[in-house]
Each structure stands twice: as C-alpha cells, then as structure tokens.
Amino acid sequence: MPDSPDSNDHAVSLKDPADFIAIVPYLLGFHPDRSLVAMAFDGDALKGVIRFDLPDLSEDAPEAATYCARLLAQNGARYVFLIGYGSGQQVTPIMDGLFAAVTRAGIEILDMVRCEGDRFWSYICKDPHCCSPEGVPYDVAGSHVAAGAVLAGRVAMPDRDSFARTLEPVEGPERQAVRTATAAARARAESLIPTVDAGYWFGEGTRHVRDCLDHVRAGRPIPVEELAWLGVLLTGIQIRDIALTFQDEYGDEVSHRFWTEVTRRLEPEYVPAAAVNLALLAYRAGDGALARLAAERALRADPDYRFAHMILFALNAGVPPMGIKEIDFADLAREITALSERSPRGAQPVLPEPLSDN
C-alpha cells in the first residue's frame, strides 16, 4: 500500500540524483528499504511522494507499476523521479513496468535510479563518466539537503519499524497510572451522564481539550488524571471533531505533539478518536506515512472505527490532500458548535468496552 506525503512547506533545491535520494527519508519520516519511491512534481513544485513495498514476485510488478502510474496521474504529476531501494533483481522488474506505465500516462520521467548500500545506479543515464557501472556513491547524512530538512524540523527514523514505534503505547508504571485514572474517569462519566443536562458535555469538552493543549504548548506532559478525563470526553463525536479545529489556534507543531502524546498514553479503547485526529492532520500536512500509521493505530483498538477506514481508503486511492488543506477550521468549528446546540447528545461520551492493552 502507498504512503503519500506531500511537501511544499519548505523550499529545497534538488539539483542531482543524490539530492533527490537525500530528501526522501525526511519526507517519509524514515529511511526506506525494499521500497519504490515516486516523487511527483508539477513544474518545480513537489506535489507528493508515494512509497510502496517492492512486490515479492516479479510477475506482480506490472500491476504495481500500473497502480503507481494511476496514483501519479490522479495527483496531477507532470514529472516524476523514481527510486528503487534493493537489489537489481528486486527493483528492475517494477522499473521496467513503470517506465511503460508512466510514459503512457503522459508523465515525464526525470530519472529512474536504484539504491543499494551507499551507491545508486541510473536506469536512464548511460554515460560512464556520470553514472559509473560500479554505481555512484552518495551520503544522505552529509547532504546539504538533509541538513536543510533537519533545520526545517524534519526527522528521519532509521527504518519503518522505528517510525512505527513512535506511536506505540507507553508501558510500565505510566501505563498502570493511566489505567487507574481511566477507571476513575469512566466512573465519573457514568455518574454524570444520567444527572447532567446534555448540553454540559460540549462546554466541558471544549474547555478541557484546551486545558490539555495548554499543557503541551507549555512543554509539560498532560497530568494523568486530566489525560484520562480527556480520553473519556473524546468519545463524544462532537468533542472529537471540535478538538480537531483547535489546530488553527495552537498550530501544527503543538497539535502534532498533543495528538501523538494522547494517542500513546491513553488506554487502548480510548485511542481511536485521538489517533484519527492525528491521522487527519498528518494527511492535511501531506504526511501520508504518519496518516497511515495513526489510522492503523486507531483500528488496532477498534477495527470498525469508520473515520479510520475512510482515511485509509483515501490513502490507498491516492486522493490528494488538497481538499483537506482547504478546510476552514474556523467555519468548521462554528458548524460543530451550532450542531451541538441543536443536538447536544452528540457531545456526550460513548463509553467503550475495556480492552486488553495492545
């Protein structure tokens, strides 16, 4: 399945194949292995990056190539730079298929290279002075492109497994503390639901989400009792949705830290709302790898969580994030607030069944 981040937030000059190779880990969030990466451009603008696992069987390469070309066309690519990570036996079959499929789609290929170890080989350049048969050395860590990405706040984990662990649940004494606090928060909600007016929950939820965001903005972890109450409140759909709109108020960096912390620390059954909000904001920012990881994290807790399935469907279909980028969070907040006044029970917690930790 593809990971499709898009990056137009920081201008980086890519002049030669080594520069294109160097920027990829910082766009994906990890150093790829046994992968195909397609960097899509519209003029000088990078429109997106699509990553696939290489097919296990060479006979599957034509189908994978056709699918990749279709995603590139859907995303409005005019030019593409293709990188295969692996041995010639692994990479060449899909590169052959891509050359034909991308050309049929009317997309111009800037270059096609294979990376293995610390060298790359071009499938297009045949000049031995430029592209030696022994491969051309490259150094991602020492590249000026990588330095620029780090200065822009981007991080590249060693591999996809390391990247995936950034959303793994906390363990040990902190897990036990959250579990105890969650039991108390759940009991509090169960006692309040039959006694308070339904309109109580929207005001309580919006106030408490902001309080927790303020902790993160100040560089403090969310206190465990407040975290547990937040998890309970986010099970109300209107609270989940209004919390998403606070991204405009608190900014990308704080919002990313907030939803990552909440996803990792909440008890498993309370994770889906936080994880899908992280996924949607990542998708909006063009970080398809994180969007996929967060949506999958939500589905580990609740395999039927519709919002997570919708995000994965959009990623798999190669839907560009442009539509999400155009969401006006201020307008959305007004709509959700108006909805809460008409249907206040939409903000009331819907308490899940406890799950074993995962």
Protein backbone atom coordinates (compact mmCIF):
# COMPACT_ATOMS: atom_id res chain seq x y z
CA MET A 1 0.00 0.00 0.00
CA PRO A 2 1.27 3.50 -0.71
CA ASP A 3 2.34 6.17 1.70
CA SER A 4 1.74 9.52 0.01
CA PRO A 5 3.13 12.57 1.79
CA ASP A 6 3.17 15.92 0.09
CA SER A 7 5.71 18.63 0.85
CA ASN A 8 5.56 22.22 -0.23
CA ASP A 9 6.19 23.87 3.14
CA HIS A 10 9.95 24.39 2.83
CA ALA A 11 11.78 25.18 -0.41
CA VAL A 12 14.68 22.80 -1.07
CA SER A 13 16.85 22.86 -4.17
CA LEU A 14 17.25 19.41 -5.73
CA LYS A 15 19.95 19.50 -8.37
CA ASP A 16 21.17 15.95 -8.93
CA PRO A 17 20.08 12.37 -8.14
CA ALA A 18 21.93 12.36 -4.81
CA ASP A 19 19.83 15.35 -3.67
CA PHE A 20 16.58 13.57 -4.58
CA ILE A 21 17.74 10.46 -2.71
CA ALA A 22 18.80 12.50 0.32
CA ILE A 23 15.46 14.25 0.81
CA VAL A 24 13.30 11.11 0.67
CA PRO A 25 13.83 9.87 4.27
CA TYR A 26 12.86 13.30 5.61
CA LEU A 27 9.68 13.36 3.54
CA LEU A 28 8.67 9.85 4.61
CA GLY A 29 9.87 10.12 8.21
CA PHE A 30 12.10 7.04 7.86
CA HIS A 31 14.84 5.57 5.67
CA PRO A 32 13.11 3.24 3.18
CA ASP A 33 14.25 -0.28 2.38
CA ARG A 34 12.95 -2.71 -0.25
CA SER A 35 10.75 0.10 -1.47
CA LEU A 36 9.72 2.00 -4.54
CA VAL A 37 9.51 5.76 -4.09
CA ALA A 38 7.96 8.07 -6.67
CA MET A 39 8.45 11.83 -6.26
CA ALA A 40 5.76 13.69 -8.19
CA PHE A 41 6.32 17.23 -9.50
CA ASP A 42 4.20 19.86 -11.20
CA GLY A 43 6.79 22.21 -12.64
CA ASP A 44 9.25 22.97 -9.84
CA ALA A 45 6.77 22.15 -7.08
CA LEU A 46 6.91 18.80 -5.31
CA LYS A 47 3.30 17.60 -5.25
CA GLY A 48 3.81 14.40 -3.33
CA VAL A 49 5.83 11.30 -2.59
CA ILE A 50 4.42 7.80 -2.98
CA ARG A 51 6.11 4.81 -1.36
CA PHE A 52 5.35 1.13 -1.99
CA ASP A 53 6.86 -2.05 -0.68
CA LEU A 54 8.54 -3.76 -3.62
CA PRO A 55 6.49 -6.71 -4.95
CA ASP A 56 7.68 -10.06 -3.62
CA LEU A 57 7.19 -11.65 -7.05
CA SER A 58 8.41 -10.17 -10.33
CA GLU A 59 5.15 -11.20 -12.02
CA ASP A 60 3.33 -8.78 -9.72
CA ALA A 61 5.47 -5.85 -10.92
CA PRO A 62 3.30 -4.81 -13.94
CA GLU A 63 0.16 -4.49 -11.79
CA ALA A 64 2.04 -2.49 -9.13
CA ALA A 65 3.52 -0.25 -11.82
CA THR A 66 0.11 0.44 -13.35
CA TYR A 67 -1.32 1.29 -9.94
CA CYS A 68 1.57 3.67 -9.16
CA ALA A 69 1.19 5.43 -12.52
CA ARG A 70 -2.54 5.87 -11.89
CA LEU A 71 -1.87 7.46 -8.48
CA LEU A 72 0.68 9.82 -10.02
CA ALA A 73 -1.79 10.89 -12.69
CA GLN A 74 -4.55 11.41 -10.10
CA ASN A 75 -2.23 13.66 -8.12
CA GLY A 76 -1.56 15.85 -11.16
CA ALA A 77 2.07 14.84 -11.65
CA ARG A 78 3.75 16.24 -14.75
CA TYR A 79 7.20 14.91 -13.88
CA VAL A 80 8.37 12.06 -11.68
CA PHE A 81 11.65 10.95 -10.13
CA LEU A 82 11.63 7.20 -9.40
CA ILE A 83 13.82 5.49 -6.79
CA GLY A 84 14.00 1.75 -6.11
CA TYR A 85 15.66 0.52 -2.93
CA GLY A 86 17.03 -3.01 -3.19
CA SER A 87 18.91 -5.39 -5.43
CA GLY A 88 18.70 -5.28 -9.21
CA GLN A 89 16.61 -8.45 -9.13
CA GLN A 90 14.10 -6.79 -6.80
CA VAL A 91 13.98 -3.34 -8.40
CA THR A 92 14.44 -3.78 -12.16
CA PRO A 93 11.13 -5.58 -12.94
CA ILE A 94 8.99 -2.81 -11.45
CA MET A 95 11.16 -0.11 -13.01
CA ASP A 96 10.62 -1.70 -16.41
CA GLY A 97 6.87 -1.71 -15.82
CA LEU A 98 6.91 1.85 -14.51
CA PHE A 99 8.75 3.20 -17.50
CA ALA A 100 5.97 1.95 -19.78
CA ALA A 101 3.04 2.82 -17.47
CA VAL A 102 4.24 6.32 -16.58
CA THR A 103 5.06 7.14 -20.19
CA ARG A 104 1.57 6.01 -21.27
CA ALA A 105 0.13 8.33 -18.60
CA GLY A 106 1.90 11.28 -20.22
CA ILE A 107 4.20 11.90 -17.25
CA GLU A 108 7.81 12.80 -17.97
CA ILE A 109 10.44 10.78 -16.11
CA LEU A 110 13.24 12.93 -14.69
CA ASP A 111 15.31 9.88 -13.75
CA MET A 112 14.97 6.31 -12.53
CA VAL A 113 17.58 5.11 -10.04
CA ARG A 114 18.25 2.07 -7.91
CA CYS A 115 19.82 2.45 -4.45
CA GLU A 116 21.67 -0.29 -2.67
CA GLY A 117 24.06 0.27 0.21
CA ASP A 118 25.69 3.66 -0.27
CA ARG A 119 25.54 3.69 -4.09
CA PHE A 120 22.95 4.36 -6.76
CA TRP A 121 22.60 3.37 -10.41
CA SER A 122 20.58 5.21 -13.05
CA TYR A 123 18.38 3.29 -15.47
CA ILE A 124 18.37 6.28 -17.83
CA CYS A 125 21.86 7.79 -17.78
CA LYS A 126 24.33 5.62 -19.71
CA ASP A 127 27.32 7.99 -19.52
CA PRO A 128 30.06 6.11 -17.59
CA HIS A 129 31.67 9.42 -16.62
CA CYS A 130 28.45 10.47 -14.93
CA CYS A 131 26.95 7.17 -13.84
CA SER A 132 29.62 4.53 -13.36
CA PRO A 133 28.69 0.85 -13.83
CA GLU A 134 30.00 0.37 -10.28
CA GLY A 135 27.42 2.84 -9.02
CA VAL A 136 27.65 6.41 -7.79
CA PRO A 137 28.41 6.94 -4.07
CA TYR A 138 26.01 9.09 -2.07
CA ASP A 139 25.77 10.15 1.57
CA VAL A 140 22.35 11.09 2.91
CA ALA A 141 23.61 12.24 6.31
CA GLY A 142 26.25 14.53 4.81
CA SER A 143 23.97 16.08 2.20
CA HIS A 144 23.13 19.78 2.30
CA VAL A 145 19.56 18.71 1.51
CA ALA A 146 19.41 16.57 4.67
CA ALA A 147 20.86 19.44 6.71
CA GLY A 148 18.15 21.74 5.37
CA ALA A 149 15.45 19.18 6.21
CA VAL A 150 16.72 18.88 9.79
CA LEU A 151 16.75 22.65 10.17
CA ALA A 152 13.15 22.67 8.96
CA GLY A 153 12.27 20.31 11.81
CA ARG A 154 12.01 17.08 9.83
CA VAL A 155 13.19 13.78 11.29
CA ALA A 156 14.15 10.55 9.53
CA MET A 157 13.94 7.37 11.63
CA PRO A 158 16.34 4.53 10.79
CA ASP A 159 13.59 2.34 9.31
CA ARG A 160 9.82 1.96 9.11
CA ASP A 161 9.68 -0.20 12.24
CA SER A 162 11.39 2.57 14.23
CA PHE A 163 8.94 5.04 12.74
CA ALA A 164 6.00 2.84 13.74
CA ARG A 165 7.23 2.69 17.34
CA THR A 166 6.72 6.46 17.66
CA LEU A 167 3.00 5.71 18.16
CA GLU A 168 3.35 2.61 20.31
CA PRO A 169 1.59 2.78 23.70
CA VAL A 170 3.58 3.70 26.79
CA GLU A 171 4.29 0.85 29.18
CA GLY A 172 5.36 0.23 32.76
CA PRO A 173 4.35 2.39 35.72
CA GLU A 174 2.91 5.11 33.48
CA ARG A 175 0.57 2.61 31.83
CA GLN A 176 -0.66 1.46 35.23
CA ALA A 177 -1.18 5.06 36.35
CA VAL A 178 -3.24 5.83 33.23
CA ARG A 179 -5.26 2.65 33.71
CA THR A 180 -6.13 3.58 37.28
CA ALA A 181 -7.00 7.18 36.31
CA THR A 182 -9.13 5.95 33.40
CA ALA A 183 -11.21 3.73 35.66
CA ALA A 184 -11.90 6.76 37.86
CA ALA A 185 -12.68 8.98 34.85
CA ARG A 186 -15.08 6.40 33.47
CA ALA A 187 -16.87 6.11 36.82
CA ARG A 188 -17.14 9.91 36.91
CA ALA A 189 -18.73 9.97 33.46
CA GLU A 190 -21.13 7.14 34.33
CA SER A 191 -22.33 9.09 37.35
CA LEU A 192 -22.73 12.34 35.40
CA ILE A 193 -24.46 11.08 32.24
CA PRO A 194 -27.84 10.43 33.87
CA THR A 195 -27.76 13.55 36.03
CA VAL A 196 -26.43 16.49 33.98
CA ASP A 197 -28.08 18.27 31.08
CA ALA A 198 -26.82 17.01 27.71
CA GLY A 199 -25.52 20.48 26.90
CA TYR A 200 -22.98 20.17 29.74
CA TRP A 201 -20.70 17.93 27.70
CA PHE A 202 -19.87 20.30 24.85
CA GLY A 203 -18.78 23.08 27.20
CA GLU A 204 -16.85 20.70 29.43
CA GLY A 205 -15.21 19.01 26.46
CA THR A 206 -14.05 22.17 24.69
CA ARG A 207 -12.73 23.65 27.95
CA HIS A 208 -10.86 20.51 28.90
CA VAL A 209 -9.30 19.96 25.47
CA ARG A 210 -7.91 23.50 25.61
CA ASP A 211 -6.56 22.93 29.11
CA CYS A 212 -4.72 19.82 27.93
CA LEU A 213 -3.41 21.61 24.83
CA ASP A 214 -2.12 24.37 27.08
CA HIS A 215 -0.01 21.82 28.98
CA VAL A 216 1.55 20.61 25.73
CA ARG A 217 2.12 24.14 24.43
CA ALA A 218 3.96 24.93 27.68
CA GLY A 219 6.15 21.85 27.25
CA ARG A 220 4.52 19.88 30.09
CA PRO A 221 3.10 16.36 29.91
CA ILE A 222 -0.65 16.23 30.43
CA PRO A 223 -1.32 15.21 34.08
CA VAL A 224 -2.57 11.66 34.18
CA GLU A 225 -5.99 12.45 35.67
CA GLU A 226 -6.58 15.16 33.05
CA LEU A 227 -5.42 12.80 30.30
CA ALA A 228 -7.84 10.10 31.41
CA TRP A 229 -10.76 12.57 31.51
CA LEU A 230 -9.75 13.81 28.06
CA GLY A 231 -9.91 10.26 26.72
CA VAL A 232 -13.44 9.86 28.07
CA LEU A 233 -14.57 13.21 26.65
CA LEU A 234 -13.15 12.47 23.19
CA THR A 235 -15.54 9.52 22.84
CA GLY A 236 -18.21 12.16 22.22
CA ILE A 237 -18.10 12.70 18.46
CA GLN A 238 -18.67 16.46 18.68
CA ILE A 239 -15.77 16.77 21.14
CA ARG A 240 -13.50 14.75 18.87
CA ASP A 241 -14.44 16.96 15.94
CA ILE A 242 -14.25 20.34 17.68
CA ALA A 243 -10.86 19.35 19.13
CA LEU A 244 -9.56 18.89 15.60
CA THR A 245 -10.38 22.50 14.77
CA PHE A 246 -8.11 23.81 17.55
CA GLN A 247 -5.18 23.18 15.19
CA ASP A 248 -5.63 26.71 13.85
CA GLU A 249 -5.38 28.16 17.36
CA TYR A 250 -2.44 26.07 18.59
CA GLY A 251 -0.52 25.47 15.36
CA ASP A 252 0.88 22.42 13.59
CA GLU A 253 3.76 21.67 15.93
CA VAL A 254 1.79 21.79 19.19
CA SER A 255 -1.11 19.88 17.62
CA HIS A 256 1.21 17.15 16.38
CA ARG A 257 2.83 16.78 19.81
CA PHE A 258 -0.56 16.83 21.51
CA TRP A 259 -2.25 14.15 19.44
CA THR A 260 0.88 11.97 19.44
CA GLU A 261 1.12 12.13 23.24
CA VAL A 262 -2.57 11.43 23.71
CA THR A 263 -2.52 8.52 21.25
CA ARG A 264 0.44 6.92 23.01
CA ARG A 265 -0.72 7.43 26.60
CA LEU A 266 -4.47 6.73 26.54
CA GLU A 267 -5.85 3.33 27.41
CA PRO A 268 -6.32 1.31 24.17
CA GLU A 269 -10.11 1.56 23.99
CA TYR A 270 -9.91 5.37 24.17
CA VAL A 271 -7.25 5.73 21.46
CA PRO A 272 -9.31 5.85 18.20
CA ALA A 273 -10.56 9.46 18.44
CA ALA A 274 -7.08 10.85 19.16
CA ALA A 275 -5.44 8.64 16.54
CA VAL A 276 -7.81 9.62 13.73
CA ASN A 277 -7.38 13.31 14.55
CA LEU A 278 -3.63 12.83 14.33
CA ALA A 279 -4.12 10.93 11.06
CA LEU A 280 -6.29 13.63 9.50
CA LEU A 281 -3.94 16.45 10.48
CA ALA A 282 -0.99 14.43 9.13
CA TYR A 283 -2.88 13.83 5.88
CA ARG A 284 -3.69 17.54 5.69
CA ALA A 285 0.01 18.35 6.14
CA GLY A 286 0.87 15.88 3.38
CA ASP A 287 2.45 13.30 5.72
CA GLY A 288 0.87 10.17 4.32
CA ALA A 289 3.16 7.80 6.22
CA LEU A 290 2.10 9.20 9.59
CA ALA A 291 -1.54 9.40 8.49
CA ARG A 292 -1.49 5.69 7.65
CA LEU A 293 0.30 4.76 10.86
CA ALA A 294 -2.16 6.72 13.02
CA ALA A 295 -5.23 5.35 11.22
CA GLU A 296 -3.91 1.81 11.67
CA ARG A 297 -3.31 2.55 15.35
CA ALA A 298 -6.99 3.54 15.68
CA LEU A 299 -8.09 0.30 14.03
CA ARG A 300 -5.98 -1.80 16.38
CA ALA A 301 -8.23 -0.54 19.17
CA ASP A 302 -11.50 -0.56 17.21
CA PRO A 303 -11.48 -2.47 13.89
CA ASP A 304 -14.85 -0.91 12.99
CA TYR A 305 -13.89 2.76 13.52
CA ARG A 306 -15.31 4.32 10.34
CA PHE A 307 -13.23 7.51 10.33
CA ALA A 308 -10.01 5.46 10.30
CA HIS A 309 -11.29 3.32 7.43
CA MET A 310 -12.15 6.46 5.46
CA ILE A 311 -8.63 7.83 5.88
CA LEU A 312 -7.04 4.55 4.79
CA PHE A 313 -9.38 4.36 1.80
CA ALA A 314 -8.33 7.85 0.71
CA LEU A 315 -4.64 6.98 1.14
CA ASN A 316 -4.99 3.74 -0.81
CA ALA A 317 -6.88 5.53 -3.59
CA GLY A 318 -4.18 8.18 -3.82
CA VAL A 319 -6.61 11.00 -3.04
CA PRO A 320 -4.55 14.22 -2.85
CA PRO A 321 -4.71 16.10 0.46
CA MET A 322 -5.69 19.33 -1.31
CA GLY A 323 -9.35 19.07 -0.33
CA ILE A 324 -8.46 18.61 3.33
CA LYS A 325 -5.99 21.50 3.16
CA GLU A 326 -8.81 23.77 2.06
CA ILE A 327 -10.92 23.05 5.15
CA ASP A 328 -11.56 26.27 7.05
CA PHE A 329 -11.31 25.15 10.67
CA ALA A 330 -12.96 28.35 11.93
CA ASP A 331 -16.03 27.67 9.76
CA LEU A 332 -16.00 24.02 10.79
CA ALA A 333 -15.87 24.99 14.47
CA ARG A 334 -18.91 27.23 14.01
CA GLU A 335 -20.80 24.40 12.31
CA ILE A 336 -19.96 21.92 15.07
CA THR A 337 -20.94 24.43 17.77
CA ALA A 338 -24.28 25.07 16.05
CA LEU A 339 -24.83 21.32 15.74
CA SER A 340 -24.12 20.89 19.45
CA GLU A 341 -26.86 23.40 20.23
CA ARG A 342 -29.37 21.51 18.08
CA SER A 343 -28.26 18.00 19.09
CA PRO A 344 -26.34 18.25 22.37
CA ARG A 345 -26.19 14.49 22.92
CA GLY A 346 -23.59 14.31 20.16
CA ALA A 347 -21.04 15.61 22.66
CA GLN A 348 -21.93 13.10 25.37
CA PRO A 349 -19.35 10.35 25.99
CA VAL A 350 -19.98 6.97 24.41
CA LEU A 351 -18.04 4.77 26.79
CA PRO A 352 -16.30 1.82 25.13
CA GLU A 353 -15.88 -1.66 26.48
CA PRO A 354 -12.49 -2.13 28.17
CA LEU A 355 -9.86 -3.84 26.02
CA SER A 356 -6.70 -5.67 26.91
CA ASP A 357 -3.63 -3.48 26.33
CA ASN A 358 -2.13 -3.74 22.83
